[in-house]
N, C-alpha and C. Protein backbone atom coordinates (compact mmCIF):
# COMPACT_ATOMS: atom_id res chain seq x y z
N MET A 1 13.34 -51.73 -47.29
CA MET A 1 12.12 -50.62 -46.85
C MET A 1 12.65 -50.01 -45.48
N ASN A 2 12.28 -48.88 -45.48
CA ASN A 2 12.62 -47.71 -44.46
C ASN A 2 11.72 -47.93 -43.18
N ASP A 3 11.97 -48.34 -42.07
CA ASP A 3 11.06 -48.55 -40.84
C ASP A 3 11.01 -47.30 -40.24
N SER A 4 11.59 -46.37 -40.34
CA SER A 4 11.68 -44.99 -39.43
C SER A 4 10.29 -44.44 -39.58
N PRO A 5 9.83 -43.59 -38.55
CA PRO A 5 8.40 -43.00 -38.84
C PRO A 5 8.55 -41.81 -39.46
N SER A 6 7.65 -41.69 -40.27
CA SER A 6 7.30 -40.61 -41.39
C SER A 6 7.04 -39.41 -40.58
N THR A 7 7.45 -38.38 -41.12
CA THR A 7 7.22 -36.97 -40.57
C THR A 7 5.79 -36.43 -40.83
N ASN A 8 5.02 -37.35 -41.74
CA ASN A 8 3.55 -36.87 -42.08
C ASN A 8 2.79 -38.14 -42.14
N GLY A 9 1.53 -37.93 -42.45
CA GLY A 9 0.59 -38.93 -42.19
C GLY A 9 0.51 -39.91 -40.85
N ASP A 10 -0.40 -40.76 -40.79
CA ASP A 10 -0.48 -41.46 -39.63
C ASP A 10 0.46 -42.32 -39.17
N ASN A 11 1.75 -42.49 -39.94
CA ASN A 11 2.95 -43.29 -39.57
C ASN A 11 3.81 -42.57 -38.80
N GLY A 12 3.52 -41.39 -38.43
CA GLY A 12 4.55 -40.68 -37.58
C GLY A 12 4.15 -40.52 -36.18
N ARG A 13 2.78 -41.33 -35.72
CA ARG A 13 2.25 -41.39 -34.57
C ARG A 13 1.97 -42.54 -34.10
N GLN A 14 2.31 -42.79 -32.70
CA GLN A 14 2.01 -44.12 -32.13
C GLN A 14 0.36 -44.29 -32.15
N ALA A 15 0.03 -45.33 -31.62
CA ALA A 15 -1.42 -45.81 -31.50
C ALA A 15 -2.42 -45.06 -30.72
N GLY A 16 -1.85 -44.17 -29.59
CA GLY A 16 -2.32 -43.35 -28.63
C GLY A 16 -2.38 -41.95 -29.28
N GLY A 17 -1.62 -41.69 -30.65
CA GLY A 17 -1.61 -40.33 -31.14
C GLY A 17 -0.31 -39.63 -30.84
N ARG A 18 0.41 -40.08 -30.05
CA ARG A 18 1.81 -39.43 -29.38
C ARG A 18 2.50 -39.52 -30.74
N PHE A 19 3.51 -38.75 -30.82
CA PHE A 19 4.54 -38.96 -31.88
C PHE A 19 5.61 -40.18 -31.75
N ALA A 20 5.62 -40.81 -32.67
CA ALA A 20 6.51 -42.01 -32.43
C ALA A 20 8.08 -41.63 -32.21
N GLN A 21 8.70 -42.54 -31.27
CA GLN A 21 10.17 -42.11 -31.34
C GLN A 21 11.01 -42.08 -32.64
N GLY A 22 11.80 -40.96 -32.52
CA GLY A 22 12.47 -40.74 -33.89
C GLY A 22 11.62 -39.52 -34.57
N ASN A 23 10.32 -39.36 -34.32
CA ASN A 23 9.52 -38.25 -35.10
C ASN A 23 9.94 -37.35 -34.39
N ALA A 24 10.64 -36.04 -35.14
CA ALA A 24 10.89 -34.71 -34.49
C ALA A 24 9.46 -33.89 -34.21
N GLY A 25 8.58 -34.24 -35.01
CA GLY A 25 7.22 -33.50 -34.86
C GLY A 25 7.56 -32.28 -35.90
N GLY A 26 6.72 -31.13 -35.62
CA GLY A 26 6.65 -29.97 -36.57
C GLY A 26 7.76 -28.94 -36.22
N PRO A 27 7.95 -28.18 -37.06
CA PRO A 27 8.97 -26.97 -37.24
C PRO A 27 8.67 -26.45 -35.95
N GLY A 28 7.74 -26.22 -35.45
CA GLY A 28 7.18 -24.81 -34.44
C GLY A 28 6.88 -23.91 -34.93
N ASN A 29 6.69 -22.61 -34.25
CA ASN A 29 6.22 -21.29 -34.67
C ASN A 29 7.64 -20.68 -35.17
N PRO A 30 7.97 -20.17 -36.36
CA PRO A 30 9.13 -19.55 -36.76
C PRO A 30 9.24 -18.22 -36.03
N HIS A 31 8.03 -17.37 -35.75
CA HIS A 31 8.10 -16.37 -35.29
C HIS A 31 8.33 -16.10 -33.56
N ALA A 32 8.19 -17.30 -33.01
CA ALA A 32 8.07 -17.51 -31.55
C ALA A 32 9.54 -16.84 -30.94
N LYS A 33 10.42 -17.01 -31.25
CA LYS A 33 11.52 -16.39 -30.91
C LYS A 33 11.56 -14.90 -30.91
N ARG A 34 11.22 -14.27 -31.98
CA ARG A 34 10.88 -12.85 -32.01
C ARG A 34 10.11 -12.21 -31.27
N VAL A 35 8.81 -13.03 -31.29
CA VAL A 35 7.63 -12.56 -30.13
C VAL A 35 8.02 -12.43 -28.83
N ALA A 36 8.83 -13.52 -28.45
CA ALA A 36 9.35 -13.58 -26.95
C ALA A 36 10.31 -12.45 -26.62
N LYS A 37 11.16 -11.92 -27.90
CA LYS A 37 12.10 -10.81 -27.36
C LYS A 37 10.90 -9.61 -27.46
N LEU A 38 10.23 -9.47 -28.26
CA LEU A 38 9.30 -8.26 -28.33
C LEU A 38 8.58 -8.13 -27.01
N ARG A 39 7.88 -9.30 -26.51
CA ARG A 39 7.22 -9.40 -25.31
C ARG A 39 7.84 -8.99 -24.07
N THR A 40 9.31 -9.46 -23.85
CA THR A 40 10.31 -9.17 -23.18
C THR A 40 10.56 -7.74 -23.04
N ALA A 41 10.85 -6.85 -24.35
CA ALA A 41 11.23 -5.54 -24.44
C ALA A 41 9.83 -4.77 -23.98
N LEU A 42 8.61 -5.43 -24.18
CA LEU A 42 7.23 -4.46 -23.49
C LEU A 42 7.47 -4.80 -22.02
N PHE A 43 7.51 -5.74 -21.69
CA PHE A 43 7.52 -6.00 -20.06
C PHE A 43 8.55 -5.10 -19.15
N LYS A 44 9.42 -5.00 -20.03
CA LYS A 44 10.62 -3.90 -19.23
C LYS A 44 10.43 -2.51 -19.40
N ALA A 45 9.62 -2.23 -20.64
CA ALA A 45 9.10 -0.94 -20.87
C ALA A 45 7.99 -0.32 -19.97
N VAL A 46 7.24 -1.13 -19.86
CA VAL A 46 5.86 -0.88 -19.21
C VAL A 46 5.95 -1.20 -17.55
N SER A 47 5.78 -0.12 -16.66
CA SER A 47 5.83 -0.49 -15.21
C SER A 47 4.52 -0.62 -14.62
N PRO A 48 4.41 -1.32 -13.64
CA PRO A 48 3.14 -1.19 -13.09
C PRO A 48 2.24 0.18 -12.84
N ASP A 49 3.03 0.98 -12.60
CA ASP A 49 2.41 2.45 -12.52
C ASP A 49 1.78 2.74 -13.69
N ASP A 50 2.73 2.32 -14.88
CA ASP A 50 1.99 2.77 -16.37
C ASP A 50 0.94 1.96 -16.70
N LEU A 51 0.77 0.71 -16.28
CA LEU A 51 -0.16 -0.25 -16.31
C LEU A 51 -1.60 0.53 -15.64
N LYS A 52 -1.33 0.92 -14.54
CA LYS A 52 -2.41 1.37 -13.46
C LYS A 52 -3.15 2.71 -14.19
N ALA A 53 -2.11 3.57 -14.74
CA ALA A 53 -2.61 4.92 -15.47
C ALA A 53 -3.31 4.41 -16.64
N VAL A 54 -2.95 3.34 -17.50
CA VAL A 54 -3.55 2.94 -18.85
C VAL A 54 -5.17 2.51 -18.28
N VAL A 55 -5.10 1.57 -17.20
CA VAL A 55 -6.29 1.11 -16.92
C VAL A 55 -7.46 2.36 -16.28
N ALA A 56 -6.68 3.19 -15.37
CA ALA A 56 -7.55 4.52 -15.03
C ALA A 56 -8.12 5.14 -16.07
N ALA A 57 -7.17 5.36 -17.19
CA ALA A 57 -7.78 5.97 -18.47
C ALA A 57 -8.96 5.39 -18.99
N LEU A 58 -8.71 4.06 -19.15
CA LEU A 58 -9.67 3.33 -19.61
C LEU A 58 -11.03 3.25 -19.11
N LEU A 59 -10.92 3.10 -17.59
CA LEU A 59 -12.21 3.16 -16.96
C LEU A 59 -12.59 4.59 -16.93
N LYS A 60 -12.00 5.48 -16.96
CA LYS A 60 -12.56 7.00 -16.89
C LYS A 60 -13.32 7.11 -18.22
N SER A 61 -12.68 6.69 -19.47
CA SER A 61 -13.28 6.68 -20.67
C SER A 61 -14.85 5.87 -20.83
N ALA A 62 -14.68 4.69 -20.15
CA ALA A 62 -15.77 3.63 -20.06
C ALA A 62 -16.81 4.36 -19.09
N LYS A 63 -16.53 5.07 -18.15
CA LYS A 63 -17.47 5.85 -17.37
C LYS A 63 -18.21 6.96 -17.84
N GLY A 64 -17.48 7.62 -18.84
CA GLY A 64 -17.96 8.82 -19.76
C GLY A 64 -18.75 8.28 -20.72
N GLY A 65 -18.92 7.19 -21.05
CA GLY A 65 -19.78 6.60 -22.08
C GLY A 65 -19.06 6.05 -23.32
N ASP A 66 -18.04 5.99 -23.28
CA ASP A 66 -17.11 5.26 -24.18
C ASP A 66 -17.55 3.95 -24.45
N VAL A 67 -18.32 3.37 -25.33
CA VAL A 67 -18.80 2.14 -25.43
C VAL A 67 -17.63 1.15 -25.60
N ALA A 68 -16.56 1.44 -26.48
CA ALA A 68 -15.47 0.59 -26.72
C ALA A 68 -14.54 0.43 -25.64
N ALA A 69 -14.34 1.30 -25.08
CA ALA A 69 -13.46 1.54 -23.81
C ALA A 69 -14.25 0.48 -22.53
N ALA A 70 -15.89 0.70 -22.36
CA ALA A 70 -16.35 -0.04 -21.46
C ALA A 70 -16.35 -1.71 -21.97
N ARG A 71 -16.47 -1.95 -23.26
CA ARG A 71 -16.58 -3.27 -23.96
C ARG A 71 -15.09 -3.95 -23.56
N GLU A 72 -13.96 -3.16 -23.81
CA GLU A 72 -12.80 -3.54 -23.62
C GLU A 72 -12.48 -4.00 -21.99
N LEU A 73 -12.82 -3.17 -21.18
CA LEU A 73 -12.56 -3.18 -19.90
C LEU A 73 -13.49 -4.26 -19.23
N LEU A 74 -14.56 -4.63 -19.79
CA LEU A 74 -15.43 -5.67 -19.35
C LEU A 74 -14.77 -7.13 -19.82
N GLN A 75 -14.47 -6.95 -21.12
CA GLN A 75 -14.10 -8.27 -21.70
C GLN A 75 -12.55 -8.81 -21.00
N ARG A 76 -11.73 -7.78 -20.48
CA ARG A 76 -10.63 -8.03 -19.74
C ARG A 76 -10.91 -8.62 -18.53
N LEU A 77 -11.86 -8.18 -17.67
CA LEU A 77 -12.19 -8.36 -16.64
C LEU A 77 -12.94 -9.60 -16.43
N LEU A 78 -14.02 -9.69 -17.27
CA LEU A 78 -14.76 -10.99 -17.42
C LEU A 78 -14.81 -12.04 -18.20
N GLY A 79 -13.79 -11.75 -19.22
CA GLY A 79 -13.77 -12.48 -20.29
C GLY A 79 -14.94 -12.38 -21.68
N PRO A 80 -14.60 -12.80 -22.50
CA PRO A 80 -15.31 -12.49 -23.68
C PRO A 80 -16.84 -12.93 -23.50
N PRO A 81 -17.71 -12.46 -24.12
CA PRO A 81 -19.36 -12.75 -23.76
C PRO A 81 -19.58 -14.21 -24.40
N GLU A 82 -20.25 -14.98 -23.66
CA GLU A 82 -20.59 -16.36 -24.46
C GLU A 82 -21.92 -16.04 -25.16
N ALA A 83 -22.00 -16.76 -26.50
CA ALA A 83 -23.37 -16.89 -27.22
C ALA A 83 -24.28 -17.61 -26.48
N LEU A 84 -25.32 -16.92 -25.90
CA LEU A 84 -26.30 -17.61 -25.26
C LEU A 84 -27.53 -17.83 -26.40
N ASP A 85 -28.29 -18.95 -26.48
CA ASP A 85 -29.22 -19.26 -27.01
C ASP A 85 -30.50 -19.21 -25.82
N PHE A 86 -31.15 -18.28 -25.58
CA PHE A 86 -32.04 -18.42 -24.41
C PHE A 86 -33.36 -19.29 -24.57
N VAL A 87 -33.76 -19.30 -25.98
CA VAL A 87 -34.96 -20.31 -26.33
C VAL A 87 -34.43 -21.62 -26.00
N GLU A 88 -33.28 -21.91 -26.41
CA GLU A 88 -32.68 -23.41 -26.25
C GLU A 88 -32.53 -23.85 -24.65
N ARG A 89 -32.00 -22.69 -23.82
CA ARG A 89 -31.80 -22.93 -22.45
C ARG A 89 -33.03 -22.92 -21.89
N LEU A 90 -34.16 -22.31 -22.10
CA LEU A 90 -35.49 -22.25 -21.68
C LEU A 90 -36.08 -23.78 -21.99
N GLU A 91 -36.05 -24.16 -23.08
CA GLU A 91 -36.76 -25.34 -23.65
C GLU A 91 -36.06 -26.62 -22.55
N GLY A 92 -34.63 -26.50 -22.43
CA GLY A 92 -33.75 -27.43 -21.76
C GLY A 92 -34.18 -27.52 -20.30
N MET A 93 -34.62 -26.21 -19.71
CA MET A 93 -35.10 -26.15 -18.16
C MET A 93 -36.33 -26.79 -18.29
N GLU A 94 -37.36 -26.45 -19.15
CA GLU A 94 -38.72 -26.96 -19.17
C GLU A 94 -38.62 -28.49 -19.22
N GLN A 95 -37.73 -29.23 -20.17
CA GLN A 95 -37.55 -30.54 -20.25
C GLN A 95 -37.13 -31.21 -18.72
N LYS A 96 -36.10 -30.51 -18.13
CA LYS A 96 -35.63 -31.13 -16.95
C LYS A 96 -36.79 -30.89 -15.79
N ILE A 97 -37.45 -29.87 -15.83
CA ILE A 97 -38.85 -29.65 -15.07
C ILE A 97 -39.83 -30.82 -15.15
N ALA A 98 -40.07 -31.01 -16.40
CA ALA A 98 -41.02 -32.02 -16.97
C ALA A 98 -40.55 -33.22 -16.35
N ALA A 99 -39.41 -33.73 -16.46
CA ALA A 99 -38.87 -35.12 -16.24
C ALA A 99 -38.97 -35.14 -14.64
N MET A 100 -38.47 -34.26 -13.86
CA MET A 100 -38.59 -34.33 -12.49
C MET A 100 -40.26 -34.56 -11.92
N GLN A 101 -40.95 -33.58 -12.68
CA GLN A 101 -42.28 -34.06 -12.24
C GLN A 101 -42.89 -35.38 -12.59
N GLU A 102 -42.36 -36.03 -13.61
CA GLU A 102 -42.70 -37.23 -13.84
C GLU A 102 -42.26 -38.25 -12.78
N ARG A 103 -41.15 -38.04 -12.35
CA ARG A 103 -40.49 -38.83 -11.09
C ARG A 103 -41.14 -38.46 -9.88
N GLY A 104 -41.89 -37.61 -9.75
CA GLY A 104 -42.59 -37.03 -8.68
C GLY A 104 -41.75 -36.05 -7.73
N GLU A 105 -40.72 -35.57 -8.33
CA GLU A 105 -39.71 -34.80 -7.35
C GLU A 105 -40.40 -33.12 -7.61
N LYS A 106 -40.00 -32.62 -6.68
CA LYS A 106 -40.35 -31.09 -6.62
C LYS A 106 -39.03 -30.30 -7.15
N TRP A 107 -39.54 -29.12 -7.74
CA TRP A 107 -38.23 -28.16 -8.05
C TRP A 107 -38.06 -27.19 -7.36
């Protein structure tokens, strides 16, 4: 019987979930090398002044009422919006207040 780790299934991992010794893991991303070369070329082609000009144009469009430009600018600056369930948040706050009141605490 072959005692070497399997490359698939639970047998390829140790108890803690790490790859067992001798297991090479997966093949990785076959496109990563090409993407890295393209990204390097992009960084070489775009200067900091170019980037400032693009951001200035995006800002000008956003200020002019271009909703897509405003959305792009805000998402780049603040991150994507989070889905908020206001009713759920309100109910959670009400529960916390009720629990505090039961304990005699003030909020």
